[in-house]
Protein backbone atom coordinates (compact mmCIF):
# COMPACT_ATOMS: atom_id res chain seq x y z
CA MET A 1 -17.25 -157.86 -105.95
CA LYS A 2 -16.96 -154.12 -106.60
CA LYS A 3 -17.24 -152.92 -110.18
CA SER A 4 -13.66 -151.58 -110.13
CA GLU A 5 -12.32 -154.96 -108.89
CA ASN A 6 -14.29 -156.80 -111.54
CA ASN A 7 -12.85 -154.50 -114.28
CA VAL A 8 -9.31 -155.12 -112.99
CA LYS A 9 -9.74 -158.83 -113.08
CA LYS A 10 -11.22 -158.73 -116.64
CA THR A 11 -8.26 -156.71 -117.87
CA GLU A 12 -5.73 -158.89 -116.09
CA LYS A 13 -7.32 -161.91 -117.75
CA LEU A 14 -7.12 -160.32 -121.23
CA ILE A 15 -3.38 -159.63 -120.75
CA GLU A 16 -2.76 -163.19 -119.37
CA GLU A 17 -4.58 -164.67 -122.39
CA LEU A 18 -2.37 -162.64 -124.74
CA GLY A 19 0.74 -163.89 -122.88
CA LEU A 20 -0.41 -167.54 -123.03
CA LYS A 21 -1.13 -167.26 -126.72
CA LEU A 22 2.40 -165.98 -127.36
CA GLU A 23 3.83 -168.72 -125.19
CA LYS A 24 2.04 -171.40 -127.21
CA GLN A 25 3.41 -169.91 -130.43
CA ILE A 26 6.93 -170.00 -129.05
CA GLU A 27 6.51 -173.63 -127.84
CA LYS A 28 5.48 -174.57 -131.38
CA ASN A 29 8.55 -172.82 -132.75
CA ASP A 30 6.29 -170.38 -134.56
CA ASN A 31 7.22 -166.77 -135.07
CA PRO A 32 5.31 -165.03 -132.20
CA PHE A 33 2.87 -162.39 -133.36
CA ILE A 34 0.21 -160.04 -132.04
CA GLU A 35 -2.86 -159.50 -134.15
CA ILE A 36 -3.79 -155.84 -134.25
CA PRO A 37 -6.73 -154.22 -136.08
CA ILE A 38 -5.51 -151.75 -138.76
CA ARG A 39 -6.23 -148.20 -137.71
CA GLY A 40 -5.65 -146.49 -141.08
CA SER A 41 -8.29 -144.64 -143.02
CA ALA A 42 -8.76 -147.67 -145.31
CA ASN A 43 -10.24 -149.57 -142.34
CA VAL A 44 -12.42 -146.77 -141.01
CA SER A 45 -15.93 -146.04 -142.16
CA PHE A 46 -19.11 -144.20 -141.13
CA ASP A 47 -21.94 -146.43 -140.03
CA GLU A 48 -25.25 -144.64 -140.95
CA ALA A 49 -27.41 -146.94 -138.80
CA LEU A 50 -25.27 -146.52 -135.70
CA GLN A 51 -24.42 -142.91 -136.48
CA ARG A 52 -20.79 -143.29 -135.61
CA ILE A 53 -17.35 -143.75 -137.12
CA VAL A 54 -16.34 -147.39 -136.78
CA LEU A 55 -13.18 -149.45 -137.16
CA GLY A 56 -13.38 -152.22 -139.79
CA ASP A 57 -12.42 -155.83 -139.44
CA LYS A 58 -9.04 -155.69 -141.24
CA LYS A 59 -6.20 -156.88 -139.05
CA ALA A 60 -2.36 -157.02 -139.34
CA ARG A 61 0.03 -159.36 -137.61
CA ARG A 62 3.02 -157.90 -135.87
CA PHE A 63 5.84 -160.48 -135.59
CA LEU A 64 8.70 -160.62 -133.12
CA PHE A 65 11.15 -161.99 -135.71
CA ASN A 66 10.59 -159.30 -138.29
CA VAL A 67 13.08 -156.38 -138.51
CA SER A 68 10.31 -153.84 -139.20
CA HIS A 69 8.01 -155.22 -136.50
CA ALA A 70 10.27 -156.21 -133.61
CA ARG A 71 10.67 -152.84 -131.95
CA ARG A 72 6.91 -152.10 -131.87
CA PHE A 73 6.22 -155.72 -130.77
CA MET A 74 8.62 -155.23 -127.83
CA GLN A 75 7.08 -151.85 -126.90
CA THR A 76 3.58 -153.29 -126.84
CA LEU A 77 4.61 -156.06 -124.49
CA LEU A 78 6.41 -153.54 -122.24
CA VAL A 79 3.15 -151.62 -121.97
CA ALA A 80 1.30 -154.85 -121.18
CA SER A 81 3.77 -155.77 -118.48
CA TYR A 82 3.67 -152.34 -116.88
CA VAL A 83 -0.16 -152.33 -116.84
CA LYS A 84 -0.50 -155.75 -115.27
CA LYS A 85 2.40 -155.76 -112.83
CA ASP A 86 2.62 -152.13 -111.78
CA LEU A 87 -0.91 -150.73 -112.18
CA LEU A 88 -3.59 -153.42 -112.08
CA ALA A 89 -1.81 -155.55 -109.45
CA ASN A 90 -1.65 -152.50 -107.10
CA ASP A 91 -4.96 -150.91 -108.16
CA LEU A 92 -3.07 -147.78 -109.24
CA THR A 93 -3.42 -145.47 -112.23
CA ALA A 94 -0.62 -143.66 -114.04
CA THR A 95 -0.32 -141.05 -116.73
CA ILE A 96 0.83 -141.99 -120.22
CA ARG A 97 3.88 -139.82 -119.40
CA ASP A 98 4.63 -141.99 -116.34
CA LEU A 99 4.55 -145.08 -118.48
CA TYR A 100 6.94 -143.49 -121.01
CA TYR A 101 9.55 -142.85 -118.31
CA ALA A 102 8.99 -146.16 -116.51
CA LYS A 103 9.61 -148.22 -119.62
CA LYS A 104 12.30 -146.05 -121.29
CA HIS A 105 15.77 -147.58 -120.75
CA THR A 106 18.79 -148.74 -122.67
CA ILE A 107 18.71 -152.40 -123.62
CA PRO A 108 21.62 -154.23 -121.87
CA GLY A 109 24.56 -154.84 -124.13
CA THR A 110 23.38 -152.33 -126.71
CA LYS A 111 23.16 -148.59 -127.28
CA GLU A 112 19.44 -148.92 -128.19
CA ASP A 113 16.71 -147.45 -126.01
CA THR A 114 13.42 -149.32 -125.61
CA ILE A 115 11.56 -146.07 -126.38
CA ASP A 116 12.94 -142.91 -127.88
CA GLU A 117 9.92 -140.53 -127.91
CA GLN A 118 6.64 -140.61 -126.02
CA ASN A 119 4.79 -140.92 -129.30
CA GLU A 120 6.17 -144.45 -129.52
CA SER A 121 4.81 -145.54 -126.16
CA ASN A 122 1.52 -143.78 -126.93
CA LEU A 123 1.13 -145.85 -130.12
CA ALA A 124 2.01 -149.01 -128.20
CA ILE A 125 -0.77 -148.21 -125.73
CA VAL A 126 -3.29 -147.96 -128.53
CA ASP A 127 -1.90 -151.16 -130.09
CA LEU A 128 -2.57 -152.95 -126.77
CA GLU A 129 -6.01 -151.45 -126.45
CA VAL A 130 -7.19 -152.68 -129.83
CA ALA A 131 -5.38 -156.02 -129.57
CA LEU A 132 -7.18 -156.72 -126.29
CA GLU A 133 -10.44 -155.16 -127.51
CA THR A 134 -10.49 -152.95 -124.44
CA PHE A 135 -9.82 -149.27 -123.78
CA ARG A 136 -7.10 -147.17 -122.15
CA GLU A 137 -9.01 -146.36 -119.00
CA MET A 138 -9.42 -150.08 -118.32
CA LEU A 139 -5.63 -150.30 -118.50
CA HIS A 140 -5.55 -147.77 -115.69
CA LEU A 141 -3.76 -145.23 -117.93
CA ARG A 142 -4.80 -141.61 -118.00
CA ALA A 143 -3.91 -138.40 -119.79
CA GLU A 144 -3.81 -134.95 -118.22
CA PRO A 145 -7.30 -133.81 -117.09
CA LYS A 146 -9.02 -131.49 -119.61
CA GLY A 147 -12.48 -129.90 -119.38
CA ARG A 148 -14.68 -128.50 -116.61
CA MET A 149 -18.30 -128.85 -115.51
CA ALA A 150 -20.85 -126.89 -113.47
CA GLY A 151 -24.52 -127.41 -112.81
CA LYS A 152 -27.23 -128.80 -110.53
CA ILE A 153 -25.91 -132.31 -110.38
CA ILE A 154 -24.31 -134.31 -107.57
CA ILE A 155 -21.80 -137.07 -108.31
CA GLU A 156 -19.81 -139.64 -106.39
CA ASP A 157 -16.16 -140.10 -107.34
CA ARG A 158 -14.91 -143.49 -106.13
CA VAL A 159 -11.16 -144.01 -105.92
CA ARG A 160 -10.20 -147.33 -104.33
CA ASP A 161 -11.95 -147.31 -100.87
CA LYS A 162 -12.58 -143.59 -100.84
CA VAL A 163 -15.80 -142.01 -102.00
CA ASP A 164 -16.09 -138.28 -102.54
CA THR A 165 -19.52 -136.68 -102.96
CA ILE A 166 -19.27 -133.62 -105.16
CA ASP A 167 -21.96 -130.97 -105.81
CA LEU A 168 -21.23 -129.42 -109.19
CA SER A 169 -23.32 -126.39 -108.30
CA LYS A 170 -20.81 -125.44 -105.60
CA MET A 171 -17.54 -125.50 -107.46
CA GLY A 172 -16.92 -121.79 -107.65
CA SER A 173 -15.85 -119.82 -110.76
CA GLY A 174 -13.60 -122.60 -112.03
CA GLY A 175 -16.05 -125.46 -112.08
CA TRP A 176 -15.22 -129.16 -111.50
CA ALA A 177 -12.23 -130.51 -113.42
CA ILE A 178 -13.22 -133.53 -115.48
CA PRO A 179 -10.72 -136.35 -114.80
CA SER A 180 -9.16 -138.46 -117.59
CA ILE A 181 -10.85 -141.60 -116.24
CA VAL A 182 -14.59 -141.21 -115.46
CA GLU A 183 -15.75 -144.78 -115.22
CA GLN A 184 -15.69 -144.44 -111.40
CA ILE A 185 -18.07 -141.45 -111.49
CA GLU A 186 -21.64 -142.12 -110.46
CA PHE A 187 -24.54 -139.67 -111.01
CA LYS A 188 -26.37 -139.52 -107.67
CA LYS A 189 -28.80 -136.64 -108.15
CA SER A 190 -29.71 -134.51 -111.13
CA ASP A 191 -32.08 -131.57 -111.44
CA VAL A 192 -31.14 -130.53 -114.97
CA GLU A 193 -32.98 -130.54 -118.27
CA PHE A 194 -30.11 -130.44 -120.75
CA VAL A 195 -26.33 -130.21 -121.23
CA LEU A 196 -24.62 -127.21 -122.88
CA VAL A 197 -21.10 -127.88 -124.19
CA ALA A 198 -18.79 -124.96 -124.99
CA GLU A 199 -15.69 -125.60 -127.09
CA LYS A 200 -13.86 -122.71 -125.40
CA ASN A 201 -12.97 -121.98 -121.81
CA ALA A 202 -13.83 -118.28 -122.30
CA ILE A 203 -17.43 -119.12 -123.18
CA PHE A 204 -17.72 -121.49 -120.19
CA ASP A 205 -16.39 -118.73 -117.93
CA ARG A 206 -18.89 -116.25 -119.33
CA LEU A 207 -21.85 -118.57 -118.92
CA ASN A 208 -20.69 -119.74 -115.50
CA GLU A 209 -20.28 -116.14 -114.26
CA ASP A 210 -23.75 -115.38 -115.62
CA LYS A 211 -25.04 -118.45 -113.72
CA TYR A 212 -26.60 -119.69 -116.98
CA TRP A 213 -26.71 -123.25 -115.70
CA GLU A 214 -28.61 -122.13 -112.54
CA LYS A 215 -31.16 -119.99 -114.38
CA ASN A 216 -31.79 -122.62 -117.07
CA ASN A 217 -31.40 -125.90 -115.19
CA CYS A 218 -28.58 -127.33 -117.24
CA VAL A 219 -25.10 -128.80 -116.98
CA LEU A 220 -22.40 -126.55 -118.43
CA ILE A 221 -19.27 -128.11 -119.82
CA THR A 222 -16.16 -126.80 -121.55
CA THR A 223 -13.92 -129.11 -123.58
CA ALA A 224 -11.17 -126.50 -123.85
CA GLY A 225 -10.71 -127.15 -127.51
CA GLN A 226 -10.68 -130.66 -128.95
CA ALA A 227 -12.48 -132.79 -126.40
CA ALA A 228 -10.38 -135.19 -124.37
CA ARG A 229 -11.50 -138.77 -123.92
CA GLY A 230 -12.71 -138.16 -120.31
CA ALA A 231 -14.98 -135.29 -121.46
CA ARG A 232 -16.31 -137.26 -124.43
CA ARG A 233 -17.04 -140.23 -122.23
CA ILE A 234 -18.86 -138.27 -119.58
CA LEU A 235 -20.94 -136.53 -122.29
CA GLN A 236 -22.02 -139.92 -123.63
CA ARG A 237 -22.91 -141.11 -120.14
CA LEU A 238 -24.97 -137.94 -119.54
CA SER A 239 -26.80 -138.63 -122.75
CA GLU A 240 -27.31 -142.40 -122.37
CA GLU A 241 -27.71 -142.77 -118.62
CA LEU A 242 -29.57 -139.56 -117.70
CA LYS A 243 -31.27 -139.23 -121.10
CA LEU A 244 -30.32 -135.55 -121.31
CA PRO A 245 -30.36 -133.53 -124.57
CA ILE A 246 -26.90 -132.20 -125.37
CA TYR A 247 -26.29 -128.96 -127.30
CA THR A 248 -22.85 -127.81 -128.47
CA LEU A 249 -21.30 -124.37 -129.02
CA THR A 250 -18.17 -123.88 -131.18
CA ASP A 251 -16.69 -121.09 -133.23
CA SER A 252 -18.07 -120.67 -136.74
CA ASP A 253 -15.19 -122.28 -138.62
CA PRO A 254 -14.32 -125.80 -140.00
CA TYR A 255 -12.16 -126.65 -136.98
CA GLY A 256 -14.95 -125.89 -134.50
CA TRP A 257 -17.42 -127.85 -136.58
CA TYR A 258 -15.05 -130.80 -136.66
CA ILE A 259 -14.64 -130.70 -132.89
CA TYR A 260 -18.41 -131.05 -132.64
CA SER A 261 -18.41 -133.96 -135.04
CA THR A 262 -15.80 -135.90 -133.05
CA MET A 263 -17.98 -135.63 -129.91
CA LYS A 264 -21.03 -136.69 -131.82
CA TYR A 265 -19.76 -139.46 -134.13
CA GLY A 266 -16.28 -140.27 -132.87
CA SER A 267 -13.04 -139.72 -134.74
CA MET A 268 -10.96 -141.58 -137.30
CA ALA A 269 -7.99 -141.75 -134.90
CA LEU A 270 -10.15 -143.28 -132.15
CA ALA A 271 -12.60 -145.24 -134.31
CA HIS A 272 -12.10 -148.27 -132.01
CA GLU A 273 -13.51 -146.13 -129.17
CA SER A 274 -16.55 -144.60 -130.95
CA GLU A 275 -18.96 -146.95 -129.19
CA ARG A 276 -18.15 -145.48 -125.80
CA LEU A 277 -17.03 -141.97 -126.79
CA GLY A 278 -19.53 -141.02 -129.51
CA CYS A 279 -22.70 -139.12 -128.58
CA PRO A 280 -25.02 -139.52 -131.64
CA LYS A 281 -27.93 -137.64 -130.07
CA MET A 282 -25.90 -134.43 -129.70
CA LYS A 283 -27.12 -131.36 -131.60
CA PHE A 284 -25.14 -128.41 -132.90
CA LEU A 285 -26.45 -125.14 -131.40
CA GLY A 286 -24.00 -122.75 -132.96
CA MET A 287 -22.21 -120.82 -134.20
CA SER A 288 -23.25 -121.63 -137.77
CA ALA A 289 -22.21 -119.70 -140.85
CA SER A 290 -25.86 -118.60 -141.17
CA ASP A 291 -25.75 -117.13 -137.61
CA ILE A 292 -23.22 -114.54 -138.79
CA GLU A 293 -25.83 -112.99 -141.08
CA HIS A 294 -28.85 -113.64 -138.86
CA TYR A 295 -27.24 -111.84 -135.92
CA ASN A 296 -25.53 -109.15 -138.01
CA LEU A 297 -22.07 -110.15 -137.00
CA GLN A 298 -20.39 -109.45 -140.37
CA LYS A 299 -18.26 -106.64 -138.85
CA ALA A 300 -16.98 -109.01 -136.17
CA THR A 301 -15.77 -111.72 -138.56
CA ILE A 302 -12.27 -112.87 -139.38
CA LYS A 303 -11.09 -113.42 -142.93
CA ALA A 304 -10.68 -117.15 -143.62
CA LYS A 305 -7.15 -118.33 -144.46
CA GLU A 306 -6.15 -120.86 -147.09
CA VAL A 307 -5.81 -123.51 -144.36
CA ASP A 308 -9.44 -122.82 -143.28
CA ILE A 309 -10.65 -123.16 -146.87
CA LYS A 310 -8.73 -126.43 -147.27
CA ARG A 311 -10.18 -127.79 -144.02
CA ALA A 312 -13.71 -126.85 -145.09
CA LEU A 313 -13.32 -128.74 -148.36
CA GLU A 314 -12.05 -131.76 -146.45
CA ILE A 315 -14.95 -131.94 -143.98
CA LYS A 316 -17.42 -131.29 -146.78
CA ASN A 317 -16.45 -134.69 -148.18
CA TYR A 318 -16.78 -136.60 -144.93
CA SER A 319 -19.76 -138.90 -144.86
CA TRP A 320 -20.98 -137.54 -141.54
CA PHE A 321 -21.12 -134.02 -142.94
CA LYS A 322 -23.28 -134.99 -145.96
CA GLN A 323 -26.57 -133.89 -144.42
CA LYS A 324 -28.14 -131.17 -146.56
CA ARG A 325 -28.01 -128.45 -143.88
CA TRP A 326 -24.33 -129.03 -143.14
CA GLN A 327 -23.53 -128.97 -146.85
CA GLU A 328 -25.36 -125.63 -147.05
CA GLU A 329 -23.40 -124.23 -144.09
CA ILE A 330 -20.04 -125.30 -145.46
CA ASP A 331 -20.94 -123.90 -148.86
CA LYS A 332 -21.91 -120.61 -147.24
CA PHE A 333 -18.53 -120.48 -145.47
CA LEU A 334 -16.72 -121.18 -148.79
CA GLU A 335 -18.71 -118.47 -150.49
CA LYS A 336 -18.26 -115.74 -147.83
CA LYS A 337 -14.72 -116.84 -146.81
CA TYR A 338 -15.04 -115.49 -143.31
CA LYS A 339 -15.33 -117.10 -139.88
CA ALA A 340 -16.42 -115.89 -136.48
CA GLU A 341 -15.63 -116.66 -132.90
CA LEU A 342 -18.37 -117.10 -130.31
CA GLN A 343 -16.97 -114.05 -128.58
CA ALA A 344 -18.12 -112.03 -131.61
CA LEU A 345 -21.50 -112.04 -129.84
CA SER A 346 -19.92 -109.77 -127.25
CA SER A 347 -20.01 -106.99 -129.88
CA LYS A 348 -23.70 -106.82 -129.03
CA ASN A 349 -23.13 -106.81 -125.25
CA LEU A 350 -21.18 -108.93 -122.85
CA GLN A 351 -24.13 -111.09 -121.78
CA TYR A 352 -25.75 -111.33 -125.17
CA ILE A 353 -24.74 -114.95 -125.53
CA SER A 354 -26.38 -115.88 -122.17
CA ASN A 355 -29.46 -113.70 -122.35
CA THR A 356 -30.37 -113.73 -126.04
CA TYR A 357 -28.39 -115.98 -128.35
CA ILE A 358 -28.61 -119.35 -126.54
CA PRO A 359 -32.18 -118.96 -125.21
CA GLU A 360 -33.44 -117.93 -128.68
CA LYS A 361 -31.66 -120.77 -130.47
CA ILE A 362 -33.02 -123.40 -127.99
CA LYS A 363 -36.56 -121.93 -127.99
CA ASN A 364 -36.64 -121.99 -131.82
CA GLU A 365 -34.90 -125.42 -131.94
CA ASP A 366 -32.48 -123.87 -134.36
CA PHE A 367 -30.07 -126.82 -134.35
CA LEU A 368 -27.87 -128.50 -136.90
CA PRO A 369 -27.80 -132.36 -136.91
């Protein structure tokens, strides 16, 4: 049995078991309920040993015959039905937007819609994920693709009975678009020594045009801002399956640093997914607050706003930012009250980031944990 077929059957079984459990509750004249792990901050913690943000064991019950629960209960089962009957049964995938429109309708005999806004169906998807102890990609649901890759690596992309072999060194100036679901991707050949992740498309384009990945035997990735699940998953797979070091580039500001931390440790919103999305061996290459002074970029900085200061104070208190060096960097930001984009390095010269900054940082192992 193919891996994809096995995954489909596993997910179908999980949904069937949920349905049978509800059926038994109804037969016993009980109020049917779905048990769902609580995803609030009170049930999220940082596991020092595992080096990831984890979801606790607190659970809540969502009942059908409860005025405040009934709508969300119904929406969760609508998602389950769509996944099983429309997607898994036909070995198809759909976007979360497709699901929203497929399940949005007016309930007969009423003026009530099953779903008003897409945020409602999105939350119901996550409810189903955590209730089944699975993940969205196993439900054959995907978001819009986000992120690109380039480098000396050959992959196979399997979709149903079709297998595409893709050489990421021959994807032109745009690179290969990372899909939302990457479980079907297989790494067939790799001649690289490390992975370099750029928060911003502009930095990826600069490094790709400079053929940084070719000259330095690496895989180059852009997350285009906050990393999507597909990009985070493929980063973890590159780290765990190919044992590649991963270095990350973000702007020197609290938002860039937090983007790095979500790739490394996971996030509070997706704590239930940290095991397969977190990349604990990742290292922060730059740009740090110290780099601004070290590379004489003070004239290329941007004055921090109150919202930046507030965000810095927030992340300073997060457990995963308590390492001494991160505390020093955040304190330096709060003292200087300026930030810098990676493009500030272009004030030296256009290829300074490719020819000087990154090689020097890697050679000196000038990383933050």
